[in-house]
Amino acid sequence: MSKLESKWNVYRTRFLIRARQLNGRLVFTDALGREHRGQTGDYLVESSEGARRIVPREIFEDVYVAMGPADQVFGPGNVTSMPPLPKRRASVRLVPQA
């Protein structure tokens, strides 16, 4: 567990996520059987649905904007639960005409 000692922080792009920077290598298999590998400096990212993945440091720091520690963003005692998901619009797929 020493690789996950840092506290969760909240970041945003279009969606809120929680993330922590890795202090060492981390390898895990997700619920769908996919293997994820991270190096020191990469980020373990958790979506509002609870799915976790590894994002390389260069990509993470280019894309995500820090909002602060999770306990300050969500309030004390509410660090583990993300805010409710916004209602999703129907997706539109463009199909080229023949």
PDB file of N, CA and C in Angstrom:
ATOM      1  N   MET A   1       0.802  -1.205   0.000  1.00  0.00           N
ATOM      2  CA  MET A   1       0.000   0.000   0.000  1.00  0.00           C
ATOM      3  C   MET A   1       0.845   1.268   0.000  1.00  0.00           C
ATOM      4  N   SER A   2       2.150   1.173   0.146  1.00  0.00           N
ATOM      5  CA  SER A   2       2.969   2.374   0.206  1.00  0.00           C
ATOM      6  C   SER A   2       2.906   3.172  -1.091  1.00  0.00           C
ATOM      7  N   LYS A   3       2.552   2.536  -2.194  1.00  0.00           N
ATOM      8  CA  LYS A   3       2.458   3.229  -3.471  1.00  0.00           C
ATOM      9  C   LYS A   3       1.242   4.157  -3.512  1.00  0.00           C
ATOM     10  N   LEU A   4       0.303   3.984  -2.608  1.00  0.00           N
ATOM     11  CA  LEU A   4      -0.926   4.768  -2.615  1.00  0.00           C
ATOM     12  C   LEU A   4      -1.053   5.641  -1.369  1.00  0.00           C
ATOM     13  N   GLU A   5       0.064   6.033  -0.776  1.00  0.00           N
ATOM     14  CA  GLU A   5       0.011   6.780   0.468  1.00  0.00           C
ATOM     15  C   GLU A   5      -0.443   8.226   0.299  1.00  0.00           C
ATOM     16  N   SER A   6      -0.281   8.804  -0.881  1.00  0.00           N
ATOM     17  CA  SER A   6      -0.688  10.187  -1.059  1.00  0.00           C
ATOM     18  C   SER A   6      -2.210  10.294  -0.979  1.00  0.00           C
ATOM     19  N   LYS A   7      -2.693  11.469  -0.595  1.00  0.00           N
ATOM     20  CA  LYS A   7      -4.132  11.680  -0.450  1.00  0.00           C
ATOM     21  C   LYS A   7      -4.778  11.897  -1.813  1.00  0.00           C
ATOM     22  N   TRP A   8      -6.090  11.574  -1.900  1.00  0.00           N
ATOM     23  CA  TRP A   8      -6.845  11.834  -3.112  1.00  0.00           C
ATOM     24  C   TRP A   8      -6.983  13.336  -3.298  1.00  0.00           C
ATOM     25  N   ASN A   9      -6.852  13.819  -4.526  1.00  0.00           N
ATOM     26  CA  ASN A   9      -7.147  15.192  -4.910  1.00  0.00           C
ATOM     27  C   ASN A   9      -8.218  15.137  -5.972  1.00  0.00           C
ATOM     28  N   VAL A  10      -8.934  16.225  -6.156  1.00  0.00           N
ATOM     29  CA  VAL A  10      -9.985  16.292  -7.164  1.00  0.00           C
ATOM     30  C   VAL A  10      -9.472  17.113  -8.338  1.00  0.00           C
ATOM     31  N   TYR A  11      -9.710  16.626  -9.546  1.00  0.00           N
ATOM     32  CA  TYR A  11      -9.308  17.303 -10.773  1.00  0.00           C
ATOM     33  C   TYR A  11     -10.516  17.352 -11.691  1.00  0.00           C
ATOM     34  N   ARG A  12     -10.439  18.211 -12.692  1.00  0.00           N
ATOM     35  CA  ARG A  12     -11.555  18.256 -13.631  1.00  0.00           C
ATOM     36  C   ARG A  12     -11.054  18.379 -15.064  1.00  0.00           C
ATOM     37  N   THR A  13     -11.812  17.832 -15.955  1.00  0.00           N
ATOM     38  CA  THR A  13     -11.739  18.121 -17.379  1.00  0.00           C
ATOM     39  C   THR A  13     -13.193  18.466 -17.681  1.00  0.00           C
ATOM     40  N   ARG A  14     -13.866  17.642 -18.432  1.00  0.00           N
ATOM     41  CA  ARG A  14     -15.316  17.816 -18.577  1.00  0.00           C
ATOM     42  C   ARG A  14     -16.037  17.140 -17.422  1.00  0.00           C
ATOM     43  N   PHE A  15     -15.368  16.173 -16.783  1.00  0.00           N
ATOM     44  CA  PHE A  15     -15.966  15.397 -15.705  1.00  0.00           C
ATOM     45  C   PHE A  15     -15.076  15.472 -14.483  1.00  0.00           C
ATOM     46  N   LEU A  16     -15.650  15.343 -13.298  1.00  0.00           N
ATOM     47  CA  LEU A  16     -14.850  15.289 -12.082  1.00  0.00           C
ATOM     48  C   LEU A  16     -14.284  13.888 -11.912  1.00  0.00           C
ATOM     49  N   ILE A  17     -13.034  13.836 -11.532  1.00  0.00           N
ATOM     50  CA  ILE A  17     -12.378  12.564 -11.216  1.00  0.00           C
ATOM     51  C   ILE A  17     -11.583  12.769  -9.941  1.00  0.00           C
ATOM     52  N   ARG A  18     -11.197  11.664  -9.313  1.00  0.00           N
ATOM     53  CA  ARG A  18     -10.244  11.725  -8.205  1.00  0.00           C
ATOM     54  C   ARG A  18      -8.974  11.074  -8.700  1.00  0.00           C
ATOM     55  N   ALA A  19      -7.843  11.560  -8.223  1.00  0.00           N
ATOM     56  CA  ALA A  19      -6.574  10.989  -8.666  1.00  0.00           C
ATOM     57  C   ALA A  19      -5.534  11.127  -7.580  1.00  0.00           C
ATOM     58  N   ARG A  20      -4.581  10.222  -7.634  1.00  0.00           N
ATOM     59  CA  ARG A  20      -3.416  10.331  -6.760  1.00  0.00           C
ATOM     60  C   ARG A  20      -2.196   9.941  -7.573  1.00  0.00           C
ATOM     61  N   GLN A  21      -1.103  10.638  -7.291  1.00  0.00           N
ATOM     62  CA  GLN A  21       0.127  10.375  -8.009  1.00  0.00           C
ATOM     63  C   GLN A  21       0.827   9.184  -7.385  1.00  0.00           C
ATOM     64  N   LEU A  22       1.366   8.301  -8.229  1.00  0.00           N
ATOM     65  CA  LEU A  22       2.032   7.093  -7.749  1.00  0.00           C
ATOM     66  C   LEU A  22       3.431   7.409  -7.219  1.00  0.00           C
ATOM     67  N   ASN A  23       3.769   6.806  -6.089  1.00  0.00           N
ATOM     68  CA  ASN A  23       5.097   6.946  -5.487  1.00  0.00           C
ATOM     69  C   ASN A  23       6.013   5.795  -5.890  1.00  0.00           C
ATOM     70  N   GLY A  24       5.515   4.884  -6.694  1.00  0.00           N
ATOM     71  CA  GLY A  24       6.271   3.718  -7.153  1.00  0.00           C
ATOM     72  C   GLY A  24       5.474   3.025  -8.243  1.00  0.00           C
ATOM     73  N   ARG A  25       5.978   1.903  -8.715  1.00  0.00           N
ATOM     74  CA  ARG A  25       5.263   1.140  -9.747  1.00  0.00           C
ATOM     75  C   ARG A  25       3.988   0.540  -9.184  1.00  0.00           C
ATOM     76  N   LEU A  26       2.983   0.438 -10.043  1.00  0.00           N
ATOM     77  CA  LEU A  26       1.717  -0.173  -9.663  1.00  0.00           C
ATOM     78  C   LEU A  26       1.189  -0.955 -10.849  1.00  0.00           C
ATOM     79  N   VAL A  27       0.789  -2.191 -10.601  1.00  0.00           N
ATOM     80  CA  VAL A  27       0.179  -3.042 -11.622  1.00  0.00           C
ATOM     81  C   VAL A  27      -1.089  -3.608 -11.010  1.00  0.00           C
ATOM     82  N   PHE A  28      -2.210  -3.500 -11.746  1.00  0.00           N
ATOM     83  CA  PHE A  28      -3.450  -4.103 -11.267  1.00  0.00           C
ATOM     84  C   PHE A  28      -4.313  -4.499 -12.452  1.00  0.00           C
ATOM     85  N   THR A  29      -5.256  -5.382 -12.196  1.00  0.00           N
ATOM     86  CA  THR A  29      -6.210  -5.832 -13.207  1.00  0.00           C
ATOM     87  C   THR A  29      -7.577  -5.283 -12.824  1.00  0.00           C
ATOM     88  N   ASP A  30      -8.257  -4.621 -13.762  1.00  0.00           N
ATOM     89  CA  ASP A  30      -9.557  -4.032 -13.458  1.00  0.00           C
ATOM     90  C   ASP A  30     -10.666  -5.081 -13.544  1.00  0.00           C
ATOM     91  N   ALA A  31     -11.886  -4.650 -13.282  1.00  0.00           N
ATOM     92  CA  ALA A  31     -13.038  -5.559 -13.253  1.00  0.00           C
ATOM     93  C   ALA A  31     -13.313  -6.202 -14.603  1.00  0.00           C
ATOM     94  N   LEU A  32     -12.822  -5.599 -15.683  1.00  0.00           N
ATOM     95  CA  LEU A  32     -13.023  -6.168 -17.016  1.00  0.00           C
ATOM     96  C   LEU A  32     -11.862  -7.047 -17.448  1.00  0.00           C
ATOM     97  N   GLY A  33     -10.907  -7.262 -16.540  1.00  0.00           N
ATOM     98  CA  GLY A  33      -9.783  -8.134 -16.838  1.00  0.00           C
ATOM     99  C   GLY A  33      -8.620  -7.455 -17.547  1.00  0.00           C
ATOM    100  N   ARG A  34      -8.660  -6.135 -17.669  1.00  0.00           N
ATOM    101  CA  ARG A  34      -7.570  -5.404 -18.327  1.00  0.00           C
ATOM    102  C   ARG A  34      -6.473  -5.088 -17.321  1.00  0.00           C
ATOM    103  N   GLU A  35      -5.233  -5.293 -17.741  1.00  0.00           N
ATOM    104  CA  GLU A  35      -4.100  -5.000 -16.864  1.00  0.00           C
ATOM    105  C   GLU A  35      -3.671  -3.549 -17.043  1.00  0.00           C
ATOM    106  N   HIS A  36      -3.441  -2.868 -15.931  1.00  0.00           N
ATOM    107  CA  HIS A  36      -2.990  -1.482 -15.928  1.00  0.00           C
ATOM    108  C   HIS A  36      -1.624  -1.435 -15.257  1.00  0.00           C
ATOM    109  N   ARG A  37      -0.698  -0.670 -15.852  1.00  0.00           N
ATOM    110  CA  ARG A  37       0.661  -0.536 -15.311  1.00  0.00           C
ATOM    111  C   ARG A  37       1.008   0.937 -15.189  1.00  0.00           C
ATOM    112  N   GLY A  38       1.537   1.309 -14.025  1.00  0.00           N
ATOM    113  CA  GLY A  38       1.945   2.686 -13.808  1.00  0.00           C
ATOM    114  C   GLY A  38       3.339   2.761 -13.220  1.00  0.00           C
ATOM    115  N   GLN A  39       4.030   3.844 -13.521  1.00  0.00           N
ATOM    116  CA  GLN A  39       5.375   4.107 -13.020  1.00  0.00           C
ATOM    117  C   GLN A  39       5.305   5.239 -11.993  1.00  0.00           C
ATOM    118  N   THR A  40       6.384   5.436 -11.264  1.00  0.00           N
ATOM    119  CA  THR A  40       6.490   6.563 -10.347  1.00  0.00           C
ATOM    120  C   THR A  40       6.189   7.848 -11.111  1.00  0.00           C
ATOM    121  N   GLY A  41       5.300   8.670 -10.569  1.00  0.00           N
ATOM    122  CA  GLY A  41       4.935   9.932 -11.209  1.00  0.00           C
ATOM    123  C   GLY A  41       3.657   9.867 -12.015  1.00  0.00           C
ATOM    124  N   ASP A  42       3.242   8.662 -12.466  1.00  0.00           N
ATOM    125  CA  ASP A  42       1.968   8.513 -13.165  1.00  0.00           C
ATOM    126  C   ASP A  42       0.838   8.708 -12.164  1.00  0.00           C
ATOM    127  N   TYR A  43      -0.395   8.733 -12.649  1.00  0.00           N
ATOM    128  CA  TYR A  43      -1.547   8.971 -11.786  1.00  0.00           C
ATOM    129  C   TYR A  43      -2.519   7.798 -11.826  1.00  0.00           C
ATOM    130  N   LEU A  44      -3.029   7.427 -10.657  1.00  0.00           N
ATOM    131  CA  LEU A  44      -4.135   6.483 -10.542  1.00  0.00           C
ATOM    132  C   LEU A  44      -5.387   7.344 -10.526  1.00  0.00           C
ATOM    133  N   VAL A  45      -6.270   7.147 -11.511  1.00  0.00           N
ATOM    134  CA  VAL A  45      -7.451   7.985 -11.705  1.00  0.00           C
ATOM    135  C   VAL A  45      -8.695   7.156 -11.415  1.00  0.00           C
ATOM    136  N   GLU A  46      -9.629   7.731 -10.661  1.00  0.00           N
ATOM    137  CA  GLU A  46     -10.894   7.062 -10.357  1.00  0.00           C
ATOM    138  C   GLU A  46     -12.040   7.916 -10.869  1.00  0.00           C
ATOM    139  N   SER A  47     -12.893   7.321 -11.706  1.00  0.00           N
ATOM    140  CA  SER A  47     -14.051   8.032 -12.243  1.00  0.00           C
ATOM    141  C   SER A  47     -15.175   8.056 -11.221  1.00  0.00           C
ATOM    142  N   SER A  48     -16.217   8.817 -11.515  1.00  0.00           N
ATOM    143  CA  SER A  48     -17.356   8.891 -10.600  1.00  0.00           C
ATOM    144  C   SER A  48     -18.086   7.554 -10.497  1.00  0.00           C
ATOM    145  N   GLU A  49     -17.904   6.672 -11.502  1.00  0.00           N
ATOM    146  CA  GLU A  49     -18.509   5.338 -11.449  1.00  0.00           C
ATOM    147  C   GLU A  49     -17.660   4.372 -10.631  1.00  0.00           C
ATOM    148  N   GLY A  50     -16.456   4.787 -10.239  1.00  0.00           N
ATOM    149  CA  GLY A  50     -15.573   3.936  -9.453  1.00  0.00           C
ATOM    150  C   GLY A  50     -14.527   3.190 -10.261  1.00  0.00           C
ATOM    151  N   ALA A  51     -14.549   3.336 -11.584  1.00  0.00           N
ATOM    152  CA  ALA A  51     -13.555   2.671 -12.427  1.00  0.00           C
ATOM    153  C   ALA A  51     -12.192   3.337 -12.231  1.00  0.00           C
ATOM    154  N   ARG A  52     -11.161   2.524 -12.152  1.00  0.00           N
ATOM    155  CA  ARG A  52      -9.804   3.050 -11.968  1.00  0.00           C
ATOM    156  C   ARG A  52      -8.944   2.711 -13.168  1.00  0.00           C
ATOM    157  N   ARG A  53      -8.023   3.637 -13.488  1.00  0.00           N
ATOM    158  CA  ARG A  53      -7.075   3.420 -14.576  1.00  0.00           C
ATOM    159  C   ARG A  53      -5.826   4.232 -14.287  1.00  0.00           C
ATOM    160  N   ILE A  54      -4.771   3.938 -15.029  1.00  0.00           N
ATOM    161  CA  ILE A  54      -3.507   4.655 -14.896  1.00  0.00           C
ATOM    162  C   ILE A  54      -3.405   5.644 -16.054  1.00  0.00           C
ATOM    163  N   VAL A  55      -2.991   6.867 -15.747  1.00  0.00           N
ATOM    164  CA  VAL A  55      -2.767   7.877 -16.780  1.00  0.00           C
ATOM    165  C   VAL A  55      -1.307   8.330 -16.663  1.00  0.00           C
ATOM    166  N   PRO A  56      -0.538   8.263 -17.752  1.00  0.00           N
ATOM    167  CA  PRO A  56       0.848   8.723 -17.701  1.00  0.00           C
ATOM    168  C   PRO A  56       0.922  10.188 -17.254  1.00  0.00           C
ATOM    169  N   ARG A  57       1.955  10.507 -16.503  1.00  0.00           N
ATOM    170  CA  ARG A  57       2.119  11.842 -15.925  1.00  0.00           C
ATOM    171  C   ARG A  57       2.013  12.956 -16.980  1.00  0.00           C
ATOM    172  N   GLU A  58       2.701  12.808 -18.104  1.00  0.00           N
ATOM    173  CA  GLU A  58       2.713  13.852 -19.125  1.00  0.00           C
ATOM    174  C   GLU A  58       1.309  14.160 -19.634  1.00  0.00           C
ATOM    175  N   ILE A  59       0.519  13.127 -19.849  1.00  0.00           N
ATOM    176  CA  ILE A  59      -0.849  13.311 -20.338  1.00  0.00           C
ATOM    177  C   ILE A  59      -1.719  13.901 -19.236  1.00  0.00           C
ATOM    178  N   PHE A  60      -1.638  13.340 -18.030  1.00  0.00           N
ATOM    179  CA  PHE A  60      -2.471  13.801 -16.923  1.00  0.00           C
ATOM    180  C   PHE A  60      -2.257  15.284 -16.660  1.00  0.00           C
ATOM    181  N   GLU A  61      -1.011  15.692 -16.537  1.00  0.00           N
ATOM    182  CA  GLU A  61      -0.711  17.078 -16.172  1.00  0.00           C
ATOM    183  C   GLU A  61      -1.011  18.048 -17.312  1.00  0.00           C
ATOM    184  N   ASP A  62      -1.141  17.553 -18.528  1.00  0.00           N
ATOM    185  CA  ASP A  62      -1.520  18.396 -19.655  1.00  0.00           C
ATOM    186  C   ASP A  62      -3.034  18.561 -19.748  1.00  0.00           C
ATOM    187  N   VAL A  63      -3.790  17.554 -19.320  1.00  0.00           N
ATOM    188  CA  VAL A  63      -5.236  17.528 -19.509  1.00  0.00           C
ATOM    189  C   VAL A  63      -6.024  17.996 -18.288  1.00  0.00           C
ATOM    190  N   TYR A  64      -5.646  17.570 -17.097  1.00  0.00           N
ATOM    191  CA  TYR A  64      -6.448  17.811 -15.899  1.00  0.00           C
ATOM    192  C   TYR A  64      -6.065  19.090 -15.179  1.00  0.00           C
ATOM    193  N   VAL A  65      -7.050  19.731 -14.563  1.00  0.00           N
ATOM    194  CA  VAL A  65      -6.862  20.953 -13.792  1.00  0.00           C
ATOM    195  C   VAL A  65      -7.204  20.641 -12.342  1.00  0.00           C
ATOM    196  N   ALA A  66      -6.268  20.915 -11.428  1.00  0.00           N
ATOM    197  CA  ALA A  66      -6.488  20.606 -10.007  1.00  0.00           C
ATOM    198  C   ALA A  66      -7.548  21.521  -9.410  1.00  0.00           C
ATOM    199  N   MET A  67      -8.404  20.932  -8.579  1.00  0.00           N
ATOM    200  CA  MET A  67      -9.415  21.686  -7.852  1.00  0.00           C
ATOM    201  C   MET A  67      -9.151  21.661  -6.353  1.00  0.00           C
ATOM    202  N   GLY A  68      -8.243  20.812  -5.909  1.00  0.00           N
ATOM    203  CA  GLY A  68      -7.900  20.752  -4.494  1.00  0.00           C
ATOM    204  C   GLY A  68      -8.083  19.367  -3.924  1.00  0.00           C
ATOM    205  N   PRO A  69      -7.706  19.196  -2.632  1.00  0.00           N
ATOM    206  CA  PRO A  69      -7.863  17.902  -1.963  1.00  0.00           C
ATOM    207  C   PRO A  69      -9.326  17.476  -1.913  1.00  0.00           C
ATOM    208  N   ALA A  70      -9.557  16.187  -2.062  1.00  0.00           N
ATOM    209  CA  ALA A  70     -10.922  15.649  -2.103  1.00  0.00           C
ATOM    210  C   ALA A  70     -11.724  16.013  -0.862  1.00  0.00           C
ATOM    211  N   ASP A  71     -11.084  16.003   0.313  1.00  0.00           N
ATOM    212  CA  ASP A  71     -11.845  16.308   1.532  1.00  0.00           C
ATOM    213  C   ASP A  71     -12.268  17.770   1.585  1.00  0.00           C
ATOM    214  N   GLN A  72     -11.582  18.657   0.879  1.00  0.00           N
ATOM    215  CA  GLN A  72     -11.989  20.065   0.830  1.00  0.00           C
ATOM    216  C   GLN A  72     -13.041  20.297  -0.251  1.00  0.00           C
ATOM    217  N   VAL A  73     -12.950  19.565  -1.361  1.00  0.00           N
ATOM    218  CA  VAL A  73     -13.906  19.731  -2.453  1.00  0.00           C
ATOM    219  C   VAL A  73     -15.247  19.109  -2.097  1.00  0.00           C
ATOM    220  N   PHE A  74     -15.225  17.899  -1.535  1.00  0.00           N
ATOM    221  CA  PHE A  74     -16.460  17.186  -1.219  1.00  0.00           C
ATOM    222  C   PHE A  74     -16.870  17.327   0.236  1.00  0.00           C
ATOM    223  N   GLY A  75     -15.998  17.846   1.081  1.00  0.00           N
ATOM    224  CA  GLY A  75     -16.299  17.997   2.504  1.00  0.00           C
ATOM    225  C   GLY A  75     -15.800  16.812   3.302  1.00  0.00           C
ATOM    226  N   PRO A  76     -15.488  17.028   4.606  1.00  0.00           N
ATOM    227  CA  PRO A  76     -14.988  15.946   5.456  1.00  0.00           C
ATOM    228  C   PRO A  76     -16.002  14.811   5.549  1.00  0.00           C
ATOM    229  N   GLY A  77     -15.492  13.608   5.567  1.00  0.00           N
ATOM    230  CA  GLY A  77     -16.360  12.433   5.696  1.00  0.00           C
ATOM    231  C   GLY A  77     -17.048  12.059   4.398  1.00  0.00           C
ATOM    232  N   ASN A  78     -16.862  12.836   3.357  1.00  0.00           N
ATOM    233  CA  ASN A  78     -17.521  12.557   2.084  1.00  0.00           C
ATOM    234  C   ASN A  78     -16.489  12.345   0.978  1.00  0.00           C
ATOM    235  N   VAL A  79     -15.276  11.989   1.365  1.00  0.00           N
ATOM    236  CA  VAL A  79     -14.172  11.854   0.410  1.00  0.00           C
ATOM    237  C   VAL A  79     -14.380  10.679  -0.527  1.00  0.00           C
ATOM    238  N   THR A  80     -15.003   9.621  -0.062  1.00  0.00           N
ATOM    239  CA  THR A  80     -15.120   8.429  -0.894  1.00  0.00           C
ATOM    240  C   THR A  80     -16.276   8.484  -1.874  1.00  0.00           C
ATOM    241  N   SER A  81     -17.215   9.396  -1.675  1.00  0.00           N
ATOM    242  CA  SER A  81     -18.342   9.434  -2.616  1.00  0.00           C
ATOM    243  C   SER A  81     -18.233  10.656  -3.508  1.00  0.00           C
ATOM    244  N   MET A  82     -18.370  10.420  -4.773  1.00  0.00           N
ATOM    245  CA  MET A  82     -18.317  11.494  -5.753  1.00  0.00           C
ATOM    246  C   MET A  82     -19.698  12.121  -5.850  1.00  0.00           C
ATOM    247  N   PRO A  83     -19.790  13.343  -6.362  1.00  0.00           N
ATOM    248  CA  PRO A  83     -21.109  13.934  -6.562  1.00  0.00           C
ATOM    249  C   PRO A  83     -21.896  13.135  -7.588  1.00  0.00           C
ATOM    250  N   PRO A  84     -23.231  13.260  -7.593  1.00  0.00           N
ATOM    251  CA  PRO A  84     -24.027  12.484  -8.543  1.00  0.00           C
ATOM    252  C   PRO A  84     -23.663  12.821  -9.978  1.00  0.00           C
ATOM    253  N   LEU A  85     -23.822  11.833 -10.853  1.00  0.00           N
ATOM    254  CA  LEU A  85     -23.531  12.036 -12.263  1.00  0.00           C
ATOM    255  C   LEU A  85     -24.581  12.944 -12.893  1.00  0.00           C
ATOM    256  N   PRO A  86     -24.152  13.844 -13.784  1.00  0.00           N
ATOM    257  CA  PRO A  86     -25.147  14.650 -14.493  1.00  0.00           C
ATOM    258  C   PRO A  86     -25.930  13.764 -15.451  1.00  0.00           C
ATOM    259  N   LYS A  87     -27.152  14.178 -15.769  1.00  0.00           N
ATOM    260  CA  LYS A  87     -27.935  13.416 -16.740  1.00  0.00           C
ATOM    261  C   LYS A  87     -27.251  13.500 -18.080  1.00  0.00           C
ATOM    262  N   ARG A  88     -27.133  12.361 -18.745  1.00  0.00           N
ATOM    263  CA  ARG A  88     -26.452  12.314 -20.036  1.00  0.00           C
ATOM    264  C   ARG A  88     -27.436  12.547 -21.163  1.00  0.00           C
ATOM    265  N   ARG A  89     -26.964  13.257 -22.170  1.00  0.00           N
ATOM    266  CA  ARG A  89     -27.771  13.444 -23.371  1.00  0.00           C
ATOM    267  C   ARG A  89     -27.606  12.235 -24.273  1.00  0.00           C
ATOM    268  N   ALA A  90     -28.546  12.030 -25.128  1.00  0.00           N
ATOM    269  CA  ALA A  90     -28.423  10.945 -26.091  1.00  0.00           C
ATOM    270  C   ALA A  90     -27.213  11.212 -26.982  1.00  0.00           C
ATOM    271  N   SER A  91     -26.454  10.174 -27.250  1.00  0.00           N
ATOM    272  CA  SER A  91     -25.283  10.367 -28.107  1.00  0.00           C
ATOM    273  C   SER A  91     -25.706  10.379 -29.572  1.00  0.00           C
ATOM    274  N   VAL A  92     -24.990  11.172 -30.343  1.00  0.00           N
ATOM    275  CA  VAL A  92     -25.282  11.295 -31.765  1.00  0.00           C
ATOM    276  C   VAL A  92     -24.065  10.761 -32.519  1.00  0.00           C
ATOM    277  N   ARG A  93     -24.310   9.900 -33.486  1.00  0.00           N
ATOM    278  CA  ARG A  93     -23.231   9.340 -34.286  1.00  0.00           C
ATOM    279  C   ARG A  93     -23.442   9.739 -35.738  1.00  0.00           C
ATOM    280  N   LEU A  94     -22.456  10.401 -36.304  1.00  0.00           N
ATOM    281  CA  LEU A  94     -22.557  10.804 -37.708  1.00  0.00           C
ATOM    282  C   LEU A  94     -22.130   9.641 -38.587  1.00  0.00           C
ATOM    283  N   VAL A  95     -22.945   9.349 -39.596  1.00  0.00           N
ATOM    284  CA  VAL A  95     -22.654   8.267 -40.533  1.00  0.00           C
ATOM    285  C   VAL A  95     -22.498   8.882 -41.909  1.00  0.00           C
ATOM    286  N   PRO A  96     -21.340   8.638 -42.550  1.00  0.00           N
ATOM    287  CA  PRO A  96     -21.133   9.212 -43.896  1.00  0.00           C
ATOM    288  C   PRO A  96     -22.182   8.709 -44.877  1.00  0.00           C
ATOM    289  N   GLN A  97     -22.594   9.588 -45.765  1.00  0.00           N
ATOM    290  CA  GLN A  97     -23.571   9.194 -46.789  1.00  0.00           C
ATOM    291  C   GLN A  97     -22.868   8.461 -47.913  1.00  0.00           C
ATOM    292  N   ALA A  98     -23.562   7.504 -48.513  1.00  0.00           N
ATOM    293  CA  ALA A  98     -22.985   6.724 -49.609  1.00  0.00           C
ATOM    294  C   ALA A  98     -22.979   7.465 -50.897  1.00  0.00           C
TER     295      ALA A  98
END
